[in-house]
């Protein structure tokens, strides 16, 4: 059976993955640094919200 057509880009990616098998793990690590969020500590979040100071709608206008 003859081989199916592969574009130049597909051939390049297949060769790159064969030459550098750790590439996908490196990509996953980079993705996790940028996109994966740490779990939210609900007690700490409640403390932060409780310590906030309410801001006036227009901060340059003060009711004297």
N, C-alpha and C. Protein backbone atom coordinates (compact mmCIF):
# COMPACT_ATOMS: atom_id res chain seq x y z
N UNK A 1 0.85 -1.18 0.00
CA UNK A 1 0.00 0.00 0.00
C UNK A 1 0.90 1.24 0.00
N UNK A 2 0.69 2.16 -0.91
CA UNK A 2 1.52 3.36 -0.96
C UNK A 2 1.27 4.26 0.25
N UNK A 3 2.29 5.01 0.62
CA UNK A 3 2.18 5.91 1.78
C UNK A 3 1.23 7.06 1.46
N UNK A 4 0.53 7.48 2.49
CA UNK A 4 -0.38 8.63 2.35
C UNK A 4 0.46 9.91 2.22
N UNK A 5 -0.11 10.90 1.59
CA UNK A 5 0.58 12.18 1.43
C UNK A 5 0.73 12.85 2.78
N UNK A 6 1.92 13.39 3.04
CA UNK A 6 2.17 14.20 4.24
C UNK A 6 2.75 15.53 3.79
N UNK A 7 2.20 16.60 4.33
CA UNK A 7 2.69 17.92 3.96
C UNK A 7 4.09 18.14 4.54
N UNK A 8 4.72 19.19 4.07
CA UNK A 8 6.07 19.51 4.55
C UNK A 8 6.04 19.81 6.06
N UNK A 9 5.01 20.47 6.49
CA UNK A 9 4.91 20.82 7.91
C UNK A 9 4.75 19.56 8.77
N UNK A 10 3.92 18.63 8.32
CA UNK A 10 3.73 17.38 9.05
C UNK A 10 5.04 16.59 9.10
N UNK A 11 5.75 16.55 8.01
CA UNK A 11 7.04 15.87 7.99
C UNK A 11 8.02 16.54 8.96
N UNK A 12 8.04 17.87 8.95
CA UNK A 12 8.91 18.62 9.85
C UNK A 12 8.58 18.31 11.31
N UNK A 13 7.29 18.34 11.67
CA UNK A 13 6.90 18.08 13.05
C UNK A 13 7.22 16.65 13.47
N UNK A 14 6.99 15.69 12.59
CA UNK A 14 7.33 14.30 12.90
C UNK A 14 8.83 14.13 13.13
N UNK A 15 9.64 14.78 12.30
CA UNK A 15 11.09 14.70 12.45
C UNK A 15 11.52 15.39 13.75
N UNK A 16 10.93 16.54 14.04
CA UNK A 16 11.26 17.28 15.26
C UNK A 16 10.95 16.44 16.50
N UNK A 17 9.78 15.80 16.51
CA UNK A 17 9.40 14.95 17.65
C UNK A 17 10.30 13.72 17.75
N UNK A 18 10.75 13.19 16.63
CA UNK A 18 11.65 12.04 16.66
C UNK A 18 13.04 12.44 17.16
N UNK A 19 13.49 13.64 16.77
CA UNK A 19 14.81 14.11 17.20
C UNK A 19 14.82 14.55 18.67
N UNK A 20 13.72 15.09 19.13
CA UNK A 20 13.63 15.59 20.51
C UNK A 20 12.42 14.97 21.20
N UNK A 21 12.52 13.77 21.73
CA UNK A 21 11.36 13.11 22.35
C UNK A 21 10.87 13.81 23.62
N UNK A 22 11.71 14.63 24.26
CA UNK A 22 11.30 15.33 25.47
C UNK A 22 10.53 16.62 25.16
N UNK A 23 10.36 16.95 23.91
CA UNK A 23 9.73 18.21 23.50
C UNK A 23 8.32 18.37 24.06
N UNK A 24 7.50 17.34 24.00
CA UNK A 24 6.12 17.46 24.48
C UNK A 24 6.07 17.69 25.98
N UNK A 25 6.98 17.05 26.74
CA UNK A 25 7.03 17.29 28.19
C UNK A 25 7.43 18.73 28.49
N UNK A 26 8.38 19.26 27.73
CA UNK A 26 8.79 20.65 27.90
C UNK A 26 7.63 21.60 27.60
N UNK A 27 6.86 21.29 26.57
CA UNK A 27 5.70 22.12 26.22
C UNK A 27 4.66 22.10 27.34
N UNK A 28 4.43 20.92 27.92
CA UNK A 28 3.45 20.81 29.01
C UNK A 28 3.92 21.60 30.23
N UNK A 29 5.22 21.56 30.54
CA UNK A 29 5.75 22.32 31.67
C UNK A 29 5.57 23.82 31.43
N UNK A 30 5.87 24.27 30.22
CA UNK A 30 5.71 25.68 29.89
C UNK A 30 4.25 26.11 29.97
N UNK A 31 3.36 25.27 29.51
CA UNK A 31 1.94 25.58 29.57
C UNK A 31 1.48 25.68 31.02
N UNK A 32 1.95 24.77 31.86
CA UNK A 32 1.52 24.80 33.26
C UNK A 32 2.02 26.05 33.97
N UNK A 33 3.19 26.55 33.58
CA UNK A 33 3.69 27.78 34.20
C UNK A 33 2.81 28.98 33.87
N UNK A 34 2.31 29.02 32.65
CA UNK A 34 1.55 30.18 32.21
C UNK A 34 0.05 30.08 32.47
N UNK A 35 -0.53 28.89 32.40
CA UNK A 35 -1.97 28.79 32.36
C UNK A 35 -2.62 28.06 33.52
N UNK A 36 -1.93 27.07 34.09
CA UNK A 36 -2.55 26.31 35.17
C UNK A 36 -2.53 27.11 36.46
N UNK A 37 -3.66 27.23 37.11
CA UNK A 37 -3.80 28.04 38.32
C UNK A 37 -3.65 27.17 39.56
N UNK A 38 -3.14 27.77 40.62
CA UNK A 38 -3.05 27.09 41.90
C UNK A 38 -4.44 27.06 42.54
N UNK A 39 -4.72 26.08 43.39
CA UNK A 39 -6.02 26.05 44.07
C UNK A 39 -6.19 27.29 44.95
N UNK A 40 -7.42 27.75 45.05
CA UNK A 40 -7.72 28.96 45.82
C UNK A 40 -7.91 28.58 47.28
N UNK A 41 -7.21 29.31 48.17
CA UNK A 41 -7.40 29.13 49.60
C UNK A 41 -8.58 30.02 50.01
N UNK A 42 -9.70 29.42 50.33
CA UNK A 42 -10.93 30.17 50.58
C UNK A 42 -10.83 31.04 51.81
N UNK A 43 -10.12 30.60 52.85
CA UNK A 43 -9.97 31.42 54.06
C UNK A 43 -9.14 32.67 53.77
N UNK A 44 -8.06 32.50 53.05
CA UNK A 44 -7.21 33.64 52.70
C UNK A 44 -7.97 34.62 51.82
N UNK A 45 -8.75 34.10 50.89
CA UNK A 45 -9.54 34.97 50.01
C UNK A 45 -10.58 35.76 50.80
N UNK A 46 -11.22 35.11 51.77
CA UNK A 46 -12.20 35.80 52.61
C UNK A 46 -11.52 36.89 53.42
N UNK A 47 -10.33 36.63 53.95
CA UNK A 47 -9.58 37.65 54.70
C UNK A 47 -9.23 38.83 53.80
N UNK A 48 -8.82 38.57 52.58
CA UNK A 48 -8.47 39.64 51.65
C UNK A 48 -9.69 40.50 51.32
N UNK A 49 -10.82 39.87 51.09
CA UNK A 49 -12.03 40.63 50.76
C UNK A 49 -12.52 41.42 51.96
N UNK A 50 -12.36 40.87 53.17
CA UNK A 50 -12.80 41.58 54.37
C UNK A 50 -11.92 42.79 54.65
N UNK A 51 -10.66 42.75 54.26
CA UNK A 51 -9.74 43.84 54.55
C UNK A 51 -9.75 44.94 53.48
N UNK A 52 -10.55 44.77 52.45
CA UNK A 52 -10.63 45.79 51.41
C UNK A 52 -11.35 47.04 51.90
N UNK A 53 -10.93 48.16 51.39
CA UNK A 53 -11.57 49.43 51.69
C UNK A 53 -12.48 49.77 50.51
N UNK A 54 -13.71 50.11 50.81
CA UNK A 54 -14.65 50.43 49.74
C UNK A 54 -14.21 51.70 49.02
N UNK A 55 -14.20 51.65 47.72
CA UNK A 55 -13.80 52.79 46.91
C UNK A 55 -15.04 53.53 46.44
N UNK A 56 -14.94 54.86 46.44
CA UNK A 56 -16.06 55.65 45.95
C UNK A 56 -16.17 55.50 44.44
N UNK A 57 -17.37 55.71 43.87
CA UNK A 57 -17.54 55.53 42.43
C UNK A 57 -16.61 56.43 41.61
N UNK A 58 -16.40 57.66 42.08
CA UNK A 58 -15.49 58.56 41.39
C UNK A 58 -14.46 58.99 42.42
N UNK A 59 -13.26 58.44 42.33
CA UNK A 59 -12.29 58.60 43.40
C UNK A 59 -11.76 60.01 43.56
N UNK A 60 -11.90 60.88 42.56
CA UNK A 60 -11.38 62.24 42.67
C UNK A 60 -12.38 63.19 43.32
N UNK A 61 -13.59 62.74 43.49
CA UNK A 61 -14.62 63.57 44.12
C UNK A 61 -14.80 63.09 45.55
N UNK A 62 -14.66 63.96 46.49
CA UNK A 62 -14.83 63.60 47.89
C UNK A 62 -15.98 64.42 48.46
N UNK A 63 -16.81 63.78 49.23
CA UNK A 63 -17.90 64.48 49.89
C UNK A 63 -17.35 65.13 51.14
N UNK A 64 -17.09 66.43 51.08
CA UNK A 64 -16.52 67.14 52.23
C UNK A 64 -17.58 67.55 53.19
